[in-house]
Amino acid sequence: MFEQQLEEVVVEVDIASISTAESPRSSGEDPEHIQALAETEVTLPPIIVHRSTMRVVDGAHRLRAAELRGDEKIEVKFFDGSKADAFVLAVGSNITHGLPLSMADRKSAAARIIVSHPQWSDRMIASVSGISAGTVAEIRRRTSAEEAAGGSRIGQDGRVRPINSAAGRELASRLITANPGLSLRQIARAAGISPETARDVRNRMSRGEDPLPKARGAAQAGGRRTEALSRSTAGAATAEVVPMTDRLAAVHRLTSDPALRFNETGRRLLRLLNINMLSTEEWQEIIANVPPHCSGIVASLARECAGMWDEIAVRVDLQLAQ
């Protein structure tokens, strides 16, 4: 996320000049983890330090381990962003490797990020803090950051979209009328809405309906947002609680279906579904072994793949409804 502000050059810095203040870890450092790092024979990665404040962004345990070994210097990469961005990077780093942040620390960090980056979407903050978008939304409702956010937020893809999409829907409907051949992504980009909102507008227009949902007025618009959020949160919760055995059983049933087994397209779908049937532990092992220099690219590709699967789900649902 902040790769352009992270210097790639590794330099040796006096340990005494580095501070560990303002860590997202409320419980402090773990002595056992520090001892284990101090005794390891493997070369540890450089720590990340905020240049202007000389505070550790990522690597407090590595710093203490170096002190325990009696080292006077430690390898450092400097981060040149703002203090607020340094905190975000610290949180993101501590949910992807090393000793993970506790759930309480993740929620506390999300609350701080909501205030420092109010224009960020719930999903974007969730991806950084390691909690669900629904939990971020609940935390946001308990703060006054919504007012500071203005009328738009920045999503995970870096695009700015309005919180209330009514104006975007109206613009999308005019674009579709003027040029029916535009793709969903072109409409979404021009109107400042998501591709799925653009799809909904187009589907409503094709059915002769108003591009806006039936509820009208500011209070009703707020109700629409609440309803949409509830559906989103409920969907996320459902996905999280489906046991792995049930998912594997569902894929096994599909594998036995001749309509899928006996054609190449069906077999390709089954291969894709099987690839994604990894346990939480297996996914965690994959995440933990993503090299730091590849993390930005991997995260971006993962989001793109998630978006593709989401679009597939919507289109299959629509096909079933036709």
C-alpha atoms as a PDB file:
ATOM      1  CA  MET A   1       0.000   0.000   0.000  1.00  0.00           C
ATOM      2  CA  PHE A   2       2.810   2.387   0.884  1.00  0.00           C
ATOM      3  CA  GLU A   3       5.563   0.652  -1.072  1.00  0.00           C
ATOM      4  CA  GLN A   4       6.574   3.875  -2.836  1.00  0.00           C
ATOM      5  CA  GLN A   5       7.326   5.439   0.569  1.00  0.00           C
ATOM      6  CA  LEU A   6       9.400   2.501   1.786  1.00  0.00           C
ATOM      7  CA  GLU A   7      13.080   2.765   0.937  1.00  0.00           C
ATOM      8  CA  GLU A   8      14.554  -0.428  -0.515  1.00  0.00           C
ATOM      9  CA  VAL A   9      18.101   0.392   0.560  1.00  0.00           C
ATOM     10  CA  VAL A  10      19.118  -1.377   3.790  1.00  0.00           C
ATOM     11  CA  VAL A  11      21.357   0.578   6.167  1.00  0.00           C
ATOM     12  CA  GLU A  12      22.856  -0.108   9.587  1.00  0.00           C
ATOM     13  CA  VAL A  13      21.538   2.162  12.340  1.00  0.00           C
ATOM     14  CA  ASP A  14      22.497   2.571  16.008  1.00  0.00           C
ATOM     15  CA  ILE A  15      19.987   0.668  18.117  1.00  0.00           C
ATOM     16  CA  ALA A  16      20.103   3.380  20.772  1.00  0.00           C
ATOM     17  CA  SER A  17      18.650   5.906  18.286  1.00  0.00           C
ATOM     18  CA  ILE A  18      15.496   3.857  17.610  1.00  0.00           C
ATOM     19  CA  SER A  19      12.229   4.126  19.599  1.00  0.00           C
ATOM     20  CA  THR A  20       9.432   1.576  20.006  1.00  0.00           C
ATOM     21  CA  ALA A  21       6.792   4.110  21.093  1.00  0.00           C
ATOM     22  CA  GLU A  22       3.203   4.043  19.737  1.00  0.00           C
ATOM     23  CA  SER A  23       3.133   0.344  18.965  1.00  0.00           C
ATOM     24  CA  PRO A  24      -0.286  -1.103  18.004  1.00  0.00           C
ATOM     25  CA  ARG A  25       0.474  -3.928  20.466  1.00  0.00           C
ATOM     26  CA  SER A  26      -1.162  -2.886  23.770  1.00  0.00           C
ATOM     27  CA  SER A  27       0.275  -5.824  25.730  1.00  0.00           C
ATOM     28  CA  GLY A  28       3.834  -4.834  24.913  1.00  0.00           C
ATOM     29  CA  GLU A  29       6.562  -7.129  23.649  1.00  0.00           C
ATOM     30  CA  ASP A  30       6.626 -10.888  24.229  1.00  0.00           C
ATOM     31  CA  PRO A  31       9.794 -11.920  26.174  1.00  0.00           C
ATOM     32  CA  GLU A  32       9.640 -15.529  24.951  1.00  0.00           C
ATOM     33  CA  HIS A  33       9.382 -14.419  21.336  1.00  0.00           C
ATOM     34  CA  ILE A  34      12.309 -12.046  21.819  1.00  0.00           C
ATOM     35  CA  GLN A  35      14.395 -14.852  23.375  1.00  0.00           C
ATOM     36  CA  ALA A  36      13.567 -17.201  20.496  1.00  0.00           C
ATOM     37  CA  LEU A  37      14.598 -14.572  17.930  1.00  0.00           C
ATOM     38  CA  ALA A  38      17.821 -13.851  19.810  1.00  0.00           C
ATOM     39  CA  GLU A  39      18.788 -17.517  19.748  1.00  0.00           C
ATOM     40  CA  THR A  40      17.964 -18.175  16.096  1.00  0.00           C
ATOM     41  CA  GLU A  41      20.831 -18.683  13.675  1.00  0.00           C
ATOM     42  CA  VAL A  42      18.749 -17.517  10.728  1.00  0.00           C
ATOM     43  CA  THR A  43      19.438 -13.985   9.497  1.00  0.00           C
ATOM     44  CA  LEU A  44      16.430 -11.872  10.425  1.00  0.00           C
ATOM     45  CA  PRO A  45      14.915  -9.399   7.941  1.00  0.00           C
ATOM     46  CA  PRO A  46      15.690  -5.684   8.360  1.00  0.00           C
ATOM     47  CA  ILE A  47      13.296  -3.772  10.590  1.00  0.00           C
ATOM     48  CA  ILE A  48      11.266  -0.845   9.222  1.00  0.00           C
ATOM     49  CA  VAL A  49      11.727   2.551  10.897  1.00  0.00           C
ATOM     50  CA  HIS A  50       9.788   5.793  10.382  1.00  0.00           C
ATOM     51  CA  ARG A  51      12.565   8.143   9.320  1.00  0.00           C
ATOM     52  CA  SER A  52      11.201  11.412  10.740  1.00  0.00           C
ATOM     53  CA  THR A  53      10.442  10.018  14.220  1.00  0.00           C
ATOM     54  CA  MET A  54      12.898   7.070  14.343  1.00  0.00           C
ATOM     55  CA  ARG A  55      10.079   4.884  15.668  1.00  0.00           C
ATOM     56  CA  VAL A  56       9.842   1.196  14.771  1.00  0.00           C
ATOM     57  CA  VAL A  57       7.110   0.506  12.213  1.00  0.00           C
ATOM     58  CA  ASP A  58       7.784  -3.222  11.948  1.00  0.00           C
ATOM     59  CA  GLY A  59      10.314  -5.273  13.906  1.00  0.00           C
ATOM     60  CA  ALA A  60      10.142  -4.311  17.600  1.00  0.00           C
ATOM     61  CA  HIS A  61      10.809  -7.912  18.661  1.00  0.00           C
ATOM     62  CA  ARG A  62      13.760  -8.142  16.275  1.00  0.00           C
ATOM     63  CA  LEU A  63      15.122  -4.903  17.746  1.00  0.00           C
ATOM     64  CA  ARG A  64      14.879  -6.248  21.311  1.00  0.00           C
ATOM     65  CA  ALA A  65      16.459  -9.530  20.208  1.00  0.00           C
ATOM     66  CA  ALA A  66      19.418  -7.618  18.755  1.00  0.00           C
ATOM     67  CA  GLU A  67      19.751  -5.723  22.047  1.00  0.00           C
ATOM     68  CA  LEU A  68      19.639  -9.016  23.956  1.00  0.00           C
ATOM     69  CA  ARG A  69      22.473 -10.347  21.818  1.00  0.00           C
ATOM     70  CA  GLY A  70      24.505  -7.269  22.645  1.00  0.00           C
ATOM     71  CA  ASP A  71      24.397  -5.778  19.142  1.00  0.00           C
ATOM     72  CA  GLU A  72      24.916  -2.041  18.824  1.00  0.00           C
ATOM     73  CA  LYS A  73      23.553  -1.685  15.289  1.00  0.00           C
ATOM     74  CA  ILE A  74      20.686  -3.224  13.333  1.00  0.00           C
ATOM     75  CA  GLU A  75      19.739  -3.339   9.661  1.00  0.00           C
ATOM     76  CA  VAL A  76      16.955  -0.882   8.811  1.00  0.00           C
ATOM     77  CA  LYS A  77      14.696   0.120   5.926  1.00  0.00           C
ATOM     78  CA  PHE A  78      13.333   3.648   6.280  1.00  0.00           C
ATOM     79  CA  PHE A  79       9.698   4.613   5.758  1.00  0.00           C
ATOM     80  CA  ASP A  80       9.134   8.212   4.636  1.00  0.00           C
ATOM     81  CA  GLY A  81       5.356   8.558   4.944  1.00  0.00           C
ATOM     82  CA  SER A  82       3.314  10.409   7.550  1.00  0.00           C
ATOM     83  CA  LYS A  83       2.951   9.267  11.173  1.00  0.00           C
ATOM     84  CA  ALA A  84      -0.610   8.139  10.428  1.00  0.00           C
ATOM     85  CA  ASP A  85       0.544   6.096   7.433  1.00  0.00           C
ATOM     86  CA  ALA A  86       3.395   4.655   9.504  1.00  0.00           C
ATOM     87  CA  PHE A  87       0.841   3.379  12.032  1.00  0.00           C
ATOM     88  CA  VAL A  88      -1.243   1.817   9.257  1.00  0.00           C
ATOM     89  CA  LEU A  89       1.855   0.078   7.901  1.00  0.00           C
ATOM     90  CA  ALA A  90       2.714  -1.129  11.422  1.00  0.00           C
ATOM     91  CA  VAL A  91      -0.742  -2.661  11.848  1.00  0.00           C
ATOM     92  CA  GLY A  92      -0.708  -4.266   8.403  1.00  0.00           C
ATOM     93  CA  SER A  93       2.752  -5.727   9.011  1.00  0.00           C
ATOM     94  CA  ASN A  94       1.778  -7.221  12.354  1.00  0.00           C
ATOM     95  CA  ILE A  95      -1.207  -9.160  11.011  1.00  0.00           C
ATOM     96  CA  THR A  96       0.684 -10.774   8.128  1.00  0.00           C
ATOM     97  CA  HIS A  97       3.825 -12.111   9.796  1.00  0.00           C
ATOM     98  CA  GLY A  98       5.685 -12.409  13.071  1.00  0.00           C
ATOM     99  CA  LEU A  99       3.681 -12.428  16.302  1.00  0.00           C
ATOM    100  CA  PRO A 100       0.080 -11.579  15.277  1.00  0.00           C
ATOM    101  CA  LEU A 101      -1.842  -8.748  16.950  1.00  0.00           C
ATOM    102  CA  SER A 102      -4.632  -9.761  19.315  1.00  0.00           C
ATOM    103  CA  MET A 103      -8.235  -9.203  18.219  1.00  0.00           C
ATOM    104  CA  ALA A 104      -8.555  -6.382  20.764  1.00  0.00           C
ATOM    105  CA  ASP A 105      -5.476  -4.681  19.292  1.00  0.00           C
ATOM    106  CA  ARG A 106      -6.840  -5.096  15.757  1.00  0.00           C
ATOM    107  CA  LYS A 107     -10.136  -3.458  16.688  1.00  0.00           C
ATOM    108  CA  SER A 108      -8.333  -0.664  18.518  1.00  0.00           C
ATOM    109  CA  ALA A 109      -6.099  -0.121  15.487  1.00  0.00           C
ATOM    110  CA  ALA A 110      -9.117  -0.066  13.164  1.00  0.00           C
ATOM    111  CA  ALA A 111     -10.738   2.632  15.309  1.00  0.00           C
ATOM    112  CA  ARG A 112      -7.583   4.734  15.078  1.00  0.00           C
ATOM    113  CA  ILE A 113      -7.329   4.243  11.312  1.00  0.00           C
ATOM    114  CA  ILE A 114     -10.982   5.250  10.857  1.00  0.00           C
ATOM    115  CA  VAL A 115     -10.114   8.584  12.463  1.00  0.00           C
ATOM    116  CA  SER A 116      -6.793   9.106  10.649  1.00  0.00           C
ATOM    117  CA  HIS A 117      -8.049   7.844   7.260  1.00  0.00           C
ATOM    118  CA  PRO A 118     -11.830   8.504   7.378  1.00  0.00           C
ATOM    119  CA  GLN A 119     -12.112   8.461   3.590  1.00  0.00           C
ATOM    120  CA  TRP A 120     -11.067   4.788   3.423  1.00  0.00           C
ATOM    121  CA  SER A 121     -13.804   2.207   2.874  1.00  0.00           C
ATOM    122  CA  ASP A 122     -14.677  -0.393   5.513  1.00  0.00           C
ATOM    123  CA  ARG A 123     -13.200  -3.136   3.349  1.00  0.00           C
ATOM    124  CA  MET A 124      -9.940  -1.265   2.885  1.00  0.00           C
ATOM    125  CA  ILE A 125      -9.544  -0.715   6.643  1.00  0.00           C
ATOM    126  CA  ALA A 126     -10.525  -4.341   7.241  1.00  0.00           C
ATOM    127  CA  SER A 127      -7.793  -5.551   4.880  1.00  0.00           C
ATOM    128  CA  VAL A 128      -5.203  -3.565   6.838  1.00  0.00           C
ATOM    129  CA  SER A 129      -6.374  -4.317  10.380  1.00  0.00           C
ATOM    130  CA  GLY A 130      -7.168  -8.012   9.914  1.00  0.00           C
ATOM    131  CA  ILE A 131     -10.843  -7.917  10.923  1.00  0.00           C
ATOM    132  CA  SER A 132     -14.065  -8.163   8.933  1.00  0.00           C
ATOM    133  CA  ALA A 133     -15.570  -5.235   7.042  1.00  0.00           C
ATOM    134  CA  GLY A 134     -18.732  -5.657   9.138  1.00  0.00           C
ATOM    135  CA  THR A 135     -16.729  -5.168  12.338  1.00  0.00           C
ATOM    136  CA  VAL A 136     -15.103  -2.049  10.879  1.00  0.00           C
ATOM    137  CA  ALA A 137     -18.548  -0.702   9.981  1.00  0.00           C
ATOM    138  CA  GLU A 138     -19.736  -1.251  13.556  1.00  0.00           C
ATOM    139  CA  ILE A 139     -16.656   0.534  14.925  1.00  0.00           C
ATOM    140  CA  ARG A 140     -17.210   3.393  12.482  1.00  0.00           C
ATOM    141  CA  ARG A 141     -20.783   3.794  13.686  1.00  0.00           C
ATOM    142  CA  ARG A 142     -19.458   4.307  17.204  1.00  0.00           C
ATOM    143  CA  THR A 143     -17.175   7.150  16.124  1.00  0.00           C
ATOM    144  CA  SER A 144     -17.715  10.583  14.631  1.00  0.00           C
ATOM    145  CA  ALA A 145     -15.425   9.809  11.702  1.00  0.00           C
ATOM    146  CA  GLU A 146     -18.333   9.471   9.282  1.00  0.00           C
ATOM    147  CA  GLU A 147     -18.803  13.242   9.223  1.00  0.00           C
ATOM    148  CA  ALA A 148     -15.117  13.786   8.585  1.00  0.00           C
ATOM    149  CA  ALA A 149     -15.237  11.388   5.664  1.00  0.00           C
ATOM    150  CA  GLY A 150     -17.400  13.716   3.604  1.00  0.00           C
ATOM    151  CA  GLY A 151     -19.420  12.188   0.807  1.00  0.00           C
ATOM    152  CA  SER A 152     -16.986   9.579  -0.466  1.00  0.00           C
ATOM    153  CA  ARG A 153     -14.532   6.885   0.515  1.00  0.00           C
ATOM    154  CA  ILE A 154     -11.477   5.305  -1.061  1.00  0.00           C
ATOM    155  CA  GLY A 155     -11.873   1.596  -1.779  1.00  0.00           C
ATOM    156  CA  GLN A 156      -9.271  -1.189  -1.821  1.00  0.00           C
ATOM    157  CA  ASP A 157      -8.718  -0.565  -5.516  1.00  0.00           C
ATOM    158  CA  GLY A 158      -7.742   3.045  -4.792  1.00  0.00           C
ATOM    159  CA  ARG A 159     -10.845   4.512  -6.438  1.00  0.00           C
ATOM    160  CA  VAL A 160     -13.034   7.142  -4.803  1.00  0.00           C
ATOM    161  CA  ARG A 161     -16.710   6.238  -4.559  1.00  0.00           C
ATOM    162  CA  PRO A 162     -19.621   8.133  -2.961  1.00  0.00           C
ATOM    163  CA  ILE A 163     -21.096   6.846   0.311  1.00  0.00           C
ATOM    164  CA  ASN A 164     -24.565   7.622  -1.031  1.00  0.00           C
ATOM    165  CA  SER A 165     -24.627   6.245  -4.570  1.00  0.00           C
ATOM    166  CA  ALA A 166     -27.908   7.924  -5.605  1.00  0.00           C
ATOM    167  CA  ALA A 167     -26.154  10.601  -7.682  1.00  0.00           C
ATOM    168  CA  GLY A 168     -23.879   7.961  -9.204  1.00  0.00           C
ATOM    169  CA  ARG A 169     -26.858   5.797 -10.119  1.00  0.00           C
ATOM    170  CA  GLU A 170     -28.558   8.749 -11.811  1.00  0.00           C
ATOM    171  CA  LEU A 171     -25.413   9.508 -13.811  1.00  0.00           C
ATOM    172  CA  ALA A 172     -24.990   5.816 -14.707  1.00  0.00           C
ATOM    173  CA  SER A 173     -28.561   5.682 -16.014  1.00  0.00           C
ATOM    174  CA  ARG A 174     -27.888   8.681 -18.268  1.00  0.00           C
ATOM    175  CA  LEU A 175     -24.662   7.106 -19.545  1.00  0.00           C
ATOM    176  CA  ILE A 176     -26.430   3.830 -20.323  1.00  0.00           C
ATOM    177  CA  THR A 177     -29.214   5.661 -22.169  1.00  0.00           C
ATOM    178  CA  ALA A 178     -26.751   7.709 -24.212  1.00  0.00           C
ATOM    179  CA  ASN A 179     -24.390   4.810 -24.962  1.00  0.00           C
ATOM    180  CA  PRO A 180     -25.812   1.313 -24.315  1.00  0.00           C
ATOM    181  CA  GLY A 181     -22.589  -0.309 -25.511  1.00  0.00           C
ATOM    182  CA  LEU A 182     -20.505   0.879 -22.559  1.00  0.00           C
ATOM    183  CA  SER A 183     -19.102  -1.883 -20.343  1.00  0.00           C
ATOM    184  CA  LEU A 184     -19.969  -2.087 -16.657  1.00  0.00           C
ATOM    185  CA  ARG A 185     -16.445  -1.023 -15.705  1.00  0.00           C
ATOM    186  CA  GLN A 186     -16.602   2.003 -18.014  1.00  0.00           C
ATOM    187  CA  ILE A 187     -19.952   3.036 -16.539  1.00  0.00           C
ATOM    188  CA  ALA A 188     -18.724   2.489 -12.976  1.00  0.00           C
ATOM    189  CA  ARG A 189     -15.544   4.490 -13.562  1.00  0.00           C
ATOM    190  CA  ALA A 190     -17.375   7.423 -15.137  1.00  0.00           C
ATOM    191  CA  ALA A 191     -20.173   7.518 -12.547  1.00  0.00           C
ATOM    192  CA  GLY A 192     -17.993   6.900  -9.499  1.00  0.00           C
ATOM    193  CA  ILE A 193     -19.824   3.745  -8.439  1.00  0.00           C
ATOM    194  CA  SER A 194     -18.909   0.069  -8.185  1.00  0.00           C
ATOM    195  CA  PRO A 195     -19.316  -2.258 -11.192  1.00  0.00           C
ATOM    196  CA  GLU A 196     -21.990  -4.185  -9.251  1.00  0.00           C
ATOM    197  CA  THR A 197     -23.978  -0.976  -8.689  1.00  0.00           C
ATOM    198  CA  ALA A 198     -23.638  -0.234 -12.410  1.00  0.00           C
ATOM    199  CA  ARG A 199     -24.924  -3.748 -13.148  1.00  0.00           C
ATOM    200  CA  ASP A 200     -27.900  -3.202 -10.857  1.00  0.00           C
ATOM    201  CA  VAL A 201     -28.729   0.107 -12.581  1.00  0.00           C
ATOM    202  CA  ARG A 202     -28.572  -1.525 -16.017  1.00  0.00           C
ATOM    203  CA  ASN A 203     -30.704  -4.472 -14.903  1.00  0.00           C
ATOM    204  CA  ARG A 204     -33.310  -2.147 -13.392  1.00  0.00           C
ATOM    205  CA  MET A 205     -33.445  -0.102 -16.582  1.00  0.00           C
ATOM    206  CA  SER A 206     -33.805  -3.227 -18.711  1.00  0.00           C
ATOM    207  CA  ARG A 207     -36.837  -4.165 -16.592  1.00  0.00           C
ATOM    208  CA  GLY A 208     -38.286  -0.674 -16.974  1.00  0.00           C
ATOM    209  CA  GLU A 209     -37.666   0.180 -13.317  1.00  0.00           C
ATOM    210  CA  ASP A 210     -36.242   3.283 -11.670  1.00  0.00           C
ATOM    211  CA  PRO A 211     -32.403   3.093 -11.473  1.00  0.00           C
ATOM    212  CA  LEU A 212     -32.696   3.928  -7.770  1.00  0.00           C
ATOM    213  CA  PRO A 213     -34.157   1.438  -5.283  1.00  0.00           C
ATOM    214  CA  LYS A 214     -37.812   2.028  -4.461  1.00  0.00           C
ATOM    215  CA  ALA A 215     -37.225   3.781  -1.135  1.00  0.00           C
ATOM    216  CA  ARG A 216     -37.012   7.587  -1.526  1.00  0.00           C
ATOM    217  CA  GLY A 217     -35.870  10.484   0.617  1.00  0.00           C
ATOM    218  CA  ALA A 218     -32.855  10.961   2.831  1.00  0.00           C
ATOM    219  CA  ALA A 219     -34.153   8.811   5.668  1.00  0.00           C
ATOM    220  CA  GLN A 220     -35.107   6.040   3.237  1.00  0.00           C
ATOM    221  CA  ALA A 221     -31.725   6.304   1.543  1.00  0.00           C
ATOM    222  CA  GLY A 222     -30.131   5.776   4.939  1.00  0.00           C
ATOM    223  CA  GLY A 223     -32.359   2.731   5.350  1.00  0.00           C
ATOM    224  CA  ARG A 224     -31.129   1.368   2.021  1.00  0.00           C
ATOM    225  CA  ARG A 225     -27.531   1.702   3.160  1.00  0.00           C
ATOM    226  CA  THR A 226     -28.327  -0.027   6.451  1.00  0.00           C
ATOM    227  CA  GLU A 227     -30.153  -2.843   4.639  1.00  0.00           C
ATOM    228  CA  ALA A 228     -27.293  -3.295   2.171  1.00  0.00           C
ATOM    229  CA  LEU A 229     -24.788  -3.341   5.009  1.00  0.00           C
ATOM    230  CA  SER A 230     -26.863  -5.907   6.891  1.00  0.00           C
ATOM    231  CA  ARG A 231     -27.005  -8.150   3.816  1.00  0.00           C
ATOM    232  CA  SER A 232     -23.263  -7.766   3.297  1.00  0.00           C
ATOM    233  CA  THR A 233     -22.460  -8.488   6.935  1.00  0.00           C
ATOM    234  CA  ALA A 234     -24.842 -11.429   7.036  1.00  0.00           C
ATOM    235  CA  GLY A 235     -23.289 -12.851   3.887  1.00  0.00           C
ATOM    236  CA  ALA A 236     -19.799 -12.477   5.321  1.00  0.00           C
ATOM    237  CA  ALA A 237     -20.852 -14.097   8.575  1.00  0.00           C
ATOM    238  CA  THR A 238     -22.440 -17.012   6.718  1.00  0.00           C
ATOM    239  CA  ALA A 239     -19.274 -17.547   4.684  1.00  0.00           C
ATOM    240  CA  GLU A 240     -17.160 -17.581   7.857  1.00  0.00           C
ATOM    241  CA  VAL A 241     -19.234 -20.150   9.733  1.00  0.00           C
ATOM    242  CA  VAL A 242     -19.687 -22.728   6.952  1.00  0.00           C
ATOM    243  CA  PRO A 243     -17.578 -25.700   8.154  1.00  0.00           C
ATOM    244  CA  MET A 244     -14.794 -26.926   5.908  1.00  0.00           C
ATOM    245  CA  THR A 245     -16.369 -30.401   5.867  1.00  0.00           C
ATOM    246  CA  ASP A 246     -19.569 -28.956   4.394  1.00  0.00           C
ATOM    247  CA  ARG A 247     -17.690 -27.063   1.714  1.00  0.00           C
ATOM    248  CA  LEU A 248     -15.666 -30.139   0.798  1.00  0.00           C
ATOM    249  CA  ALA A 249     -18.852 -32.205   0.660  1.00  0.00           C
ATOM    250  CA  ALA A 250     -20.455 -29.650  -1.676  1.00  0.00           C
ATOM    251  CA  VAL A 251     -17.464 -29.753  -4.027  1.00  0.00           C
ATOM    252  CA  HIS A 252     -17.463 -33.569  -3.872  1.00  0.00           C
ATOM    253  CA  ARG A 253     -21.127 -33.614  -4.931  1.00  0.00           C
ATOM    254  CA  LEU A 254     -20.314 -31.311  -7.845  1.00  0.00           C
ATOM    255  CA  THR A 255     -17.396 -33.570  -8.825  1.00  0.00           C
ATOM    256  CA  SER A 256     -19.845 -36.465  -9.135  1.00  0.00           C
ATOM    257  CA  ASP A 257     -22.178 -34.501 -11.412  1.00  0.00           C
ATOM    258  CA  PRO A 258     -21.880 -35.755 -15.027  1.00  0.00           C
ATOM    259  CA  ALA A 259     -22.898 -32.308 -16.338  1.00  0.00           C
ATOM    260  CA  LEU A 260     -19.590 -31.006 -14.991  1.00  0.00           C
ATOM    261  CA  ARG A 261     -17.355 -34.092 -15.160  1.00  0.00           C
ATOM    262  CA  PHE A 262     -17.792 -34.865 -18.843  1.00  0.00           C
ATOM    263  CA  ASN A 263     -16.876 -31.544 -20.434  1.00  0.00           C
ATOM    264  CA  GLU A 264     -13.712 -29.453 -20.308  1.00  0.00           C
ATOM    265  CA  THR A 265     -15.415 -26.283 -19.027  1.00  0.00           C
ATOM    266  CA  GLY A 266     -17.001 -28.202 -16.155  1.00  0.00           C
ATOM    267  CA  ARG A 267     -13.720 -29.882 -15.251  1.00  0.00           C
ATOM    268  CA  ARG A 268     -11.981 -26.484 -15.278  1.00  0.00           C
ATOM    269  CA  LEU A 269     -14.583 -25.152 -12.817  1.00  0.00           C
ATOM    270  CA  LEU A 270     -14.105 -28.170 -10.564  1.00  0.00           C
ATOM    271  CA  ARG A 271     -10.327 -27.672 -10.596  1.00  0.00           C
ATOM    272  CA  LEU A 272     -10.751 -24.026  -9.604  1.00  0.00           C
ATOM    273  CA  LEU A 273     -13.127 -24.913  -6.768  1.00  0.00           C
ATOM    274  CA  ASN A 274     -10.809 -27.636  -5.476  1.00  0.00           C
ATOM    275  CA  ILE A 275      -7.844 -25.256  -5.462  1.00  0.00           C
ATOM    276  CA  ASN A 276      -9.763 -22.929  -3.144  1.00  0.00           C
ATOM    277  CA  MET A 277     -10.762 -25.668  -0.682  1.00  0.00           C
ATOM    278  CA  LEU A 278      -7.827 -25.100   1.663  1.00  0.00           C
ATOM    279  CA  SER A 279      -8.170 -25.096   5.437  1.00  0.00           C
ATOM    280  CA  THR A 280      -7.615 -21.952   7.505  1.00  0.00           C
ATOM    281  CA  GLU A 281      -4.270 -23.363   8.633  1.00  0.00           C
ATOM    282  CA  GLU A 282      -3.157 -23.995   5.055  1.00  0.00           C
ATOM    283  CA  TRP A 283      -4.108 -20.459   4.006  1.00  0.00           C
ATOM    284  CA  GLN A 284      -2.289 -19.060   7.045  1.00  0.00           C
ATOM    285  CA  GLU A 285       0.850 -20.999   6.094  1.00  0.00           C
ATOM    286  CA  ILE A 286       0.687 -19.579   2.574  1.00  0.00           C
ATOM    287  CA  ILE A 287       0.174 -16.032   3.897  1.00  0.00           C
ATOM    288  CA  ALA A 288       3.025 -16.354   6.392  1.00  0.00           C
ATOM    289  CA  ASN A 289       5.437 -17.408   3.643  1.00  0.00           C
ATOM    290  CA  VAL A 290       4.716 -14.591   1.172  1.00  0.00           C
ATOM    291  CA  PRO A 291       8.058 -12.732   0.826  1.00  0.00           C
ATOM    292  CA  PRO A 292       7.754  -9.113   2.053  1.00  0.00           C
ATOM    293  CA  HIS A 293       8.888  -7.716  -1.300  1.00  0.00           C
ATOM    294  CA  CYS A 294       6.039  -9.595  -3.025  1.00  0.00           C
ATOM    295  CA  SER A 295       3.280  -8.789  -0.509  1.00  0.00           C
ATOM    296  CA  GLY A 296       1.871  -5.768  -2.360  1.00  0.00           C
ATOM    297  CA  ILE A 297       1.563  -7.631  -5.661  1.00  0.00           C
ATOM    298  CA  VAL A 298       0.112 -10.749  -4.006  1.00  0.00           C
ATOM    299  CA  ALA A 299      -2.445  -8.683  -2.053  1.00  0.00           C
ATOM    300  CA  SER A 300      -3.473  -6.825  -5.207  1.00  0.00           C
ATOM    301  CA  LEU A 301      -3.875 -10.043  -7.214  1.00  0.00           C
ATOM    302  CA  ALA A 302      -5.817 -11.669  -4.348  1.00  0.00           C
ATOM    303  CA  ARG A 303      -8.265  -8.758  -4.340  1.00  0.00           C
ATOM    304  CA  GLU A 304      -8.645  -9.004  -8.130  1.00  0.00           C
ATOM    305  CA  CYS A 305      -9.343 -12.750  -7.857  1.00  0.00           C
ATOM    306  CA  ALA A 306     -11.835 -12.125  -5.043  1.00  0.00           C
ATOM    307  CA  GLY A 307     -13.590  -9.563  -7.233  1.00  0.00           C
ATOM    308  CA  MET A 308     -13.768 -12.032 -10.125  1.00  0.00           C
ATOM    309  CA  TRP A 309     -15.288 -14.742  -7.893  1.00  0.00           C
ATOM    310  CA  ASP A 310     -17.788 -12.214  -6.536  1.00  0.00           C
ATOM    311  CA  GLU A 311     -18.813 -11.263 -10.074  1.00  0.00           C
ATOM    312  CA  ILE A 312     -19.133 -14.954 -10.996  1.00  0.00           C
ATOM    313  CA  ALA A 313     -21.442 -15.475  -7.989  1.00  0.00           C
ATOM    314  CA  VAL A 314     -23.648 -12.552  -9.006  1.00  0.00           C
ATOM    315  CA  ARG A 315     -23.862 -13.673 -12.637  1.00  0.00           C
ATOM    316  CA  VAL A 316     -24.634 -17.298 -11.723  1.00  0.00           C
ATOM    317  CA  ASP A 317     -27.374 -16.080  -9.367  1.00  0.00           C
ATOM    318  CA  LEU A 318     -28.819 -13.907 -12.131  1.00  0.00           C
ATOM    319  CA  GLN A 319     -28.685 -16.798 -14.594  1.00  0.00           C
ATOM    320  CA  LEU A 320     -30.591 -18.973 -12.113  1.00  0.00           C
ATOM    321  CA  ALA A 321     -33.231 -16.273 -11.674  1.00  0.00           C
ATOM    322  CA  GLN A 322     -33.862 -15.924 -15.420  1.00  0.00           C
END
